Amino acid sequence: PAFLTPRTMFLLLFDASKDFKETWKSIQYEEGTGIPGEESNMTIIELLDRWMATIHSHLSGKTKQGGLVDYPRILGIGTYGDLLNEEEKLKVIEQFQTYCENKAFSELLDHEVFIVDNSSAQTDPGFSKLHEIIQRFATENLVVKTPVSWVLFRKVLQMFSNE
């Protein structure tokens, strides 16, 4: 897959209000109206598994010392948290973590699973925590420092191109 790159944090979003054992159904939205699409023969958790396994098989790697590389990372985010009470949220998180526990891709899962209320993004503390985690990941892992010699070489090239 051309869109996969190892220098990434993948946000794996799923509808936390649905049972993981339910058959996955696509829904397309047109002008705010949901239109039922195709129905898969896979359950929601099987579809999530397939995505995580694909990311793992294409991108996971080890350092020279045998440790896990800093990226890619997968962050599980359950949406529609407003439809669940606290007990149901904890159950979804536990089900997701238990399912992933002994899978090869589990080493790529970052932090805890988040259940967010997408109807109140301004007040849901989960969004602030997600923003903080993503920001830290980007600044610590994705910023590429440019050698000073490259910067100087670029300036020299610009001087010659202006003459």
C-alpha atoms as a PDB file:
ATOM      1  CA  PRO A   1       0.000   0.000   0.000  1.00  0.00           C
ATOM      2  CA  ALA A   2       1.436   3.301  -1.139  1.00  0.00           C
ATOM      3  CA  PHE A   3      -0.045   5.406   1.663  1.00  0.00           C
ATOM      4  CA  LEU A   4       1.766   3.546   4.443  1.00  0.00           C
ATOM      5  CA  THR A   5       4.907   5.137   5.807  1.00  0.00           C
ATOM      6  CA  PRO A   6       6.831   4.132   8.939  1.00  0.00           C
ATOM      7  CA  ARG A   7       7.196   7.705  10.227  1.00  0.00           C
ATOM      8  CA  THR A   8       3.584   7.871  11.277  1.00  0.00           C
ATOM      9  CA  MET A   9       1.129   7.638  14.108  1.00  0.00           C
ATOM     10  CA  PHE A  10      -1.975   5.890  12.825  1.00  0.00           C
ATOM     11  CA  LEU A  11      -5.245   6.934  14.441  1.00  0.00           C
ATOM     12  CA  LEU A  12      -7.437   3.851  14.397  1.00  0.00           C
ATOM     13  CA  LEU A  13     -10.976   5.164  14.849  1.00  0.00           C
ATOM     14  CA  PHE A  14     -13.923   2.942  15.608  1.00  0.00           C
ATOM     15  CA  ASP A  15     -17.500   3.427  16.753  1.00  0.00           C
ATOM     16  CA  ALA A  16     -17.329   2.540  20.453  1.00  0.00           C
ATOM     17  CA  SER A  17     -21.120   2.350  20.685  1.00  0.00           C
ATOM     18  CA  LYS A  18     -21.163  -0.740  18.447  1.00  0.00           C
ATOM     19  CA  ASP A  19     -20.444  -4.278  19.610  1.00  0.00           C
ATOM     20  CA  PHE A  20     -17.086  -5.518  18.266  1.00  0.00           C
ATOM     21  CA  LYS A  21     -18.779  -8.775  17.216  1.00  0.00           C
ATOM     22  CA  GLU A  22     -21.271  -6.956  14.995  1.00  0.00           C
ATOM     23  CA  THR A  23     -20.889  -7.288  11.254  1.00  0.00           C
ATOM     24  CA  TRP A  24     -19.293  -4.184   9.793  1.00  0.00           C
ATOM     25  CA  LYS A  25     -21.594  -2.033   7.658  1.00  0.00           C
ATOM     26  CA  SER A  26     -20.432   0.951   5.659  1.00  0.00           C
ATOM     27  CA  ILE A  27     -22.413   4.166   5.818  1.00  0.00           C
ATOM     28  CA  GLN A  28     -21.910   7.018   3.402  1.00  0.00           C
ATOM     29  CA  TYR A  29     -23.001  10.509   4.301  1.00  0.00           C
ATOM     30  CA  GLU A  30     -24.520  12.809   1.739  1.00  0.00           C
ATOM     31  CA  GLU A  31     -25.530  16.270   2.906  1.00  0.00           C
ATOM     32  CA  GLY A  32     -25.668  15.085   6.516  1.00  0.00           C
ATOM     33  CA  THR A  33     -27.852  12.056   5.815  1.00  0.00           C
ATOM     34  CA  GLY A  34     -26.490   8.567   6.411  1.00  0.00           C
ATOM     35  CA  ILE A  35     -27.013   6.189   3.503  1.00  0.00           C
ATOM     36  CA  PRO A  36     -26.429   2.504   4.283  1.00  0.00           C
ATOM     37  CA  GLY A  37     -23.772   0.978   2.076  1.00  0.00           C
ATOM     38  CA  GLU A  38     -22.380  -2.493   1.684  1.00  0.00           C
ATOM     39  CA  GLU A  39     -22.292  -5.021   4.489  1.00  0.00           C
ATOM     40  CA  SER A  40     -19.105  -6.956   5.065  1.00  0.00           C
ATOM     41  CA  ASN A  41     -18.808 -10.538   6.164  1.00  0.00           C
ATOM     42  CA  MET A  42     -16.240  -9.424   8.765  1.00  0.00           C
ATOM     43  CA  THR A  43     -16.942  -8.278  12.279  1.00  0.00           C
ATOM     44  CA  ILE A  44     -15.823  -4.850  13.444  1.00  0.00           C
ATOM     45  CA  ILE A  45     -12.950  -6.301  15.498  1.00  0.00           C
ATOM     46  CA  GLU A  46     -11.816  -8.428  12.532  1.00  0.00           C
ATOM     47  CA  LEU A  47     -11.706  -5.321  10.365  1.00  0.00           C
ATOM     48  CA  LEU A  48      -9.716  -3.431  13.016  1.00  0.00           C
ATOM     49  CA  ASP A  49      -7.413  -6.454  13.302  1.00  0.00           C
ATOM     50  CA  ARG A  50      -6.821  -6.422   9.561  1.00  0.00           C
ATOM     51  CA  TRP A  51      -5.837  -2.739   9.613  1.00  0.00           C
ATOM     52  CA  MET A  52      -3.460  -3.185  12.539  1.00  0.00           C
ATOM     53  CA  ALA A  53      -1.926  -6.342  11.036  1.00  0.00           C
ATOM     54  CA  THR A  54      -1.397  -4.545   7.713  1.00  0.00           C
ATOM     55  CA  ILE A  55       0.373  -1.658   9.412  1.00  0.00           C
ATOM     56  CA  HIS A  56       2.498  -4.094  11.407  1.00  0.00           C
ATOM     57  CA  SER A  57       3.429  -6.326   8.471  1.00  0.00           C
ATOM     58  CA  HIS A  58       4.429  -3.446   6.201  1.00  0.00           C
ATOM     59  CA  LEU A  59       6.061  -1.066   8.624  1.00  0.00           C
ATOM     60  CA  SER A  60       7.225  -2.534  11.895  1.00  0.00           C
ATOM     61  CA  GLY A  61      10.935  -2.804  12.438  1.00  0.00           C
ATOM     62  CA  LYS A  62      13.607  -3.298  15.038  1.00  0.00           C
ATOM     63  CA  THR A  63      16.613  -1.209  15.980  1.00  0.00           C
ATOM     64  CA  LYS A  64      20.141  -2.603  15.652  1.00  0.00           C
ATOM     65  CA  GLN A  65      19.961  -3.481  19.348  1.00  0.00           C
ATOM     66  CA  GLY A  66      16.754  -5.489  18.757  1.00  0.00           C
ATOM     67  CA  GLY A  67      14.399  -2.954  20.301  1.00  0.00           C
ATOM     68  CA  LEU A  68      11.242  -1.593  18.730  1.00  0.00           C
ATOM     69  CA  VAL A  69      11.672   1.436  16.493  1.00  0.00           C
ATOM     70  CA  ASP A  70      10.043   4.643  17.719  1.00  0.00           C
ATOM     71  CA  TYR A  71       7.381   4.524  15.027  1.00  0.00           C
ATOM     72  CA  PRO A  72       4.975   3.701  13.478  1.00  0.00           C
ATOM     73  CA  ARG A  73       2.497   3.831  16.315  1.00  0.00           C
ATOM     74  CA  ILE A  74      -1.205   3.004  16.431  1.00  0.00           C
ATOM     75  CA  LEU A  75      -3.529   4.962  18.673  1.00  0.00           C
ATOM     76  CA  GLY A  76      -6.968   3.394  19.234  1.00  0.00           C
ATOM     77  CA  ILE A  77      -9.784   5.938  19.443  1.00  0.00           C
ATOM     78  CA  GLY A  78     -13.389   4.973  20.046  1.00  0.00           C
ATOM     79  CA  THR A  79     -15.948   7.567  18.962  1.00  0.00           C
ATOM     80  CA  TYR A  80     -19.540   8.136  20.083  1.00  0.00           C
ATOM     81  CA  GLY A  81     -18.491   8.084  23.721  1.00  0.00           C
ATOM     82  CA  ASP A  82     -21.529  10.249  24.476  1.00  0.00           C
ATOM     83  CA  LEU A  83     -23.706   7.179  23.872  1.00  0.00           C
ATOM     84  CA  LEU A  84     -21.924   5.165  26.593  1.00  0.00           C
ATOM     85  CA  ASN A  85     -21.800   5.433  30.356  1.00  0.00           C
ATOM     86  CA  GLU A  86     -18.451   5.125  32.180  1.00  0.00           C
ATOM     87  CA  GLU A  87     -18.887   1.395  32.829  1.00  0.00           C
ATOM     88  CA  GLU A  88     -19.584   0.724  29.128  1.00  0.00           C
ATOM     89  CA  LYS A  89     -16.539   2.793  28.112  1.00  0.00           C
ATOM     90  CA  LEU A  90     -14.306   0.753  30.400  1.00  0.00           C
ATOM     91  CA  LYS A  91     -15.771  -2.454  28.960  1.00  0.00           C
ATOM     92  CA  VAL A  92     -14.991  -1.351  25.377  1.00  0.00           C
ATOM     93  CA  ILE A  93     -11.437  -0.421  26.351  1.00  0.00           C
ATOM     94  CA  GLU A  94     -10.944  -3.767  28.095  1.00  0.00           C
ATOM     95  CA  GLN A  95     -12.364  -5.714  25.125  1.00  0.00           C
ATOM     96  CA  PHE A  96     -10.080  -3.899  22.688  1.00  0.00           C
ATOM     97  CA  GLN A  97      -6.976  -4.352  24.839  1.00  0.00           C
ATOM     98  CA  THR A  98      -7.761  -8.011  25.574  1.00  0.00           C
ATOM     99  CA  TYR A  99      -8.263  -8.736  21.873  1.00  0.00           C
ATOM    100  CA  CYS A 100      -4.946  -7.095  20.962  1.00  0.00           C
ATOM    101  CA  GLU A 101      -2.976  -8.505  23.885  1.00  0.00           C
ATOM    102  CA  ASN A 102      -1.124 -11.379  22.201  1.00  0.00           C
ATOM    103  CA  LYS A 103      -1.169 -10.112  18.629  1.00  0.00           C
ATOM    104  CA  ALA A 104       2.079  -9.251  16.849  1.00  0.00           C
ATOM    105  CA  PHE A 105       0.863  -5.694  16.245  1.00  0.00           C
ATOM    106  CA  SER A 106       0.276  -5.064  19.955  1.00  0.00           C
ATOM    107  CA  GLU A 107       3.803  -3.647  20.224  1.00  0.00           C
ATOM    108  CA  LEU A 108       2.711  -0.787  17.959  1.00  0.00           C
ATOM    109  CA  LEU A 109      -0.275   0.218  20.098  1.00  0.00           C
ATOM    110  CA  ASP A 110       0.489   3.456  21.831  1.00  0.00           C
ATOM    111  CA  HIS A 111      -0.882   4.450  25.215  1.00  0.00           C
ATOM    112  CA  GLU A 112      -4.353   3.511  26.262  1.00  0.00           C
ATOM    113  CA  VAL A 113      -7.438   3.283  24.099  1.00  0.00           C
ATOM    114  CA  PHE A 114      -9.410   6.524  24.156  1.00  0.00           C
ATOM    115  CA  ILE A 115     -13.178   6.822  24.086  1.00  0.00           C
ATOM    116  CA  VAL A 116     -14.163  10.332  23.029  1.00  0.00           C
ATOM    117  CA  ASP A 117     -17.402  12.241  22.860  1.00  0.00           C
ATOM    118  CA  ASN A 118     -17.406  13.710  19.370  1.00  0.00           C
ATOM    119  CA  SER A 119     -20.536  15.749  20.122  1.00  0.00           C
ATOM    120  CA  SER A 120     -18.577  17.935  22.552  1.00  0.00           C
ATOM    121  CA  ALA A 121     -14.979  18.074  21.346  1.00  0.00           C
ATOM    122  CA  GLN A 122     -14.481  21.446  23.063  1.00  0.00           C
ATOM    123  CA  THR A 123     -15.213  20.082  26.537  1.00  0.00           C
ATOM    124  CA  ASP A 124     -14.212  16.398  26.320  1.00  0.00           C
ATOM    125  CA  PRO A 125     -10.896  16.049  28.228  1.00  0.00           C
ATOM    126  CA  GLY A 126     -10.031  13.063  26.030  1.00  0.00           C
ATOM    127  CA  PHE A 127      -9.436  15.384  23.066  1.00  0.00           C
ATOM    128  CA  SER A 128      -6.958  17.474  25.047  1.00  0.00           C
ATOM    129  CA  LYS A 129      -5.043  14.363  26.051  1.00  0.00           C
ATOM    130  CA  LEU A 130      -5.080  13.075  22.455  1.00  0.00           C
ATOM    131  CA  HIS A 131      -3.795  16.413  21.192  1.00  0.00           C
ATOM    132  CA  GLU A 132      -0.984  16.325  23.740  1.00  0.00           C
ATOM    133  CA  ILE A 133       0.045  12.755  22.816  1.00  0.00           C
ATOM    134  CA  ILE A 134      -0.012  13.451  19.074  1.00  0.00           C
ATOM    135  CA  GLN A 135       1.882  16.725  19.506  1.00  0.00           C
ATOM    136  CA  ARG A 136       4.568  15.028  21.626  1.00  0.00           C
ATOM    137  CA  PHE A 137       4.894  12.167  19.118  1.00  0.00           C
ATOM    138  CA  ALA A 138       5.301  14.618  16.230  1.00  0.00           C
ATOM    139  CA  THR A 139       7.893  16.787  17.952  1.00  0.00           C
ATOM    140  CA  GLU A 140       9.901  13.881  19.384  1.00  0.00           C
ATOM    141  CA  ASN A 141       9.809  11.496  16.409  1.00  0.00           C
ATOM    142  CA  LEU A 142       9.001  13.309  13.203  1.00  0.00           C
ATOM    143  CA  VAL A 143      11.123  16.436  13.303  1.00  0.00           C
ATOM    144  CA  VAL A 144      14.161  15.893  11.095  1.00  0.00           C
ATOM    145  CA  LYS A 145      17.101  18.066  11.985  1.00  0.00           C
ATOM    146  CA  THR A 146      18.855  19.504   8.965  1.00  0.00           C
ATOM    147  CA  PRO A 147      22.671  19.524   9.101  1.00  0.00           C
ATOM    148  CA  VAL A 148      24.147  23.036   9.117  1.00  0.00           C
ATOM    149  CA  SER A 149      26.263  22.157   6.078  1.00  0.00           C
ATOM    150  CA  TRP A 150      23.070  21.560   4.065  1.00  0.00           C
ATOM    151  CA  VAL A 151      21.668  24.930   5.086  1.00  0.00           C
ATOM    152  CA  LEU A 152      24.917  26.671   4.102  1.00  0.00           C
ATOM    153  CA  PHE A 153      25.028  24.771   0.800  1.00  0.00           C
ATOM    154  CA  ARG A 154      21.454  25.858   0.047  1.00  0.00           C
ATOM    155  CA  LYS A 155      22.366  29.499   0.698  1.00  0.00           C
ATOM    156  CA  VAL A 156      25.339  29.226  -1.649  1.00  0.00           C
ATOM    157  CA  LEU A 157      23.097  27.732  -4.347  1.00  0.00           C
ATOM    158  CA  GLN A 158      20.574  30.535  -3.872  1.00  0.00           C
ATOM    159  CA  MET A 159      23.331  33.147  -4.213  1.00  0.00           C
ATOM    160  CA  PHE A 160      24.498  31.603  -7.504  1.00  0.00           C
ATOM    161  CA  SER A 161      20.956  31.305  -8.849  1.00  0.00           C
ATOM    162  CA  ASN A 162      20.303  34.986  -8.148  1.00  0.00           C
ATOM    163  CA  GLU A 163      23.376  36.078 -10.152  1.00  0.00           C
END
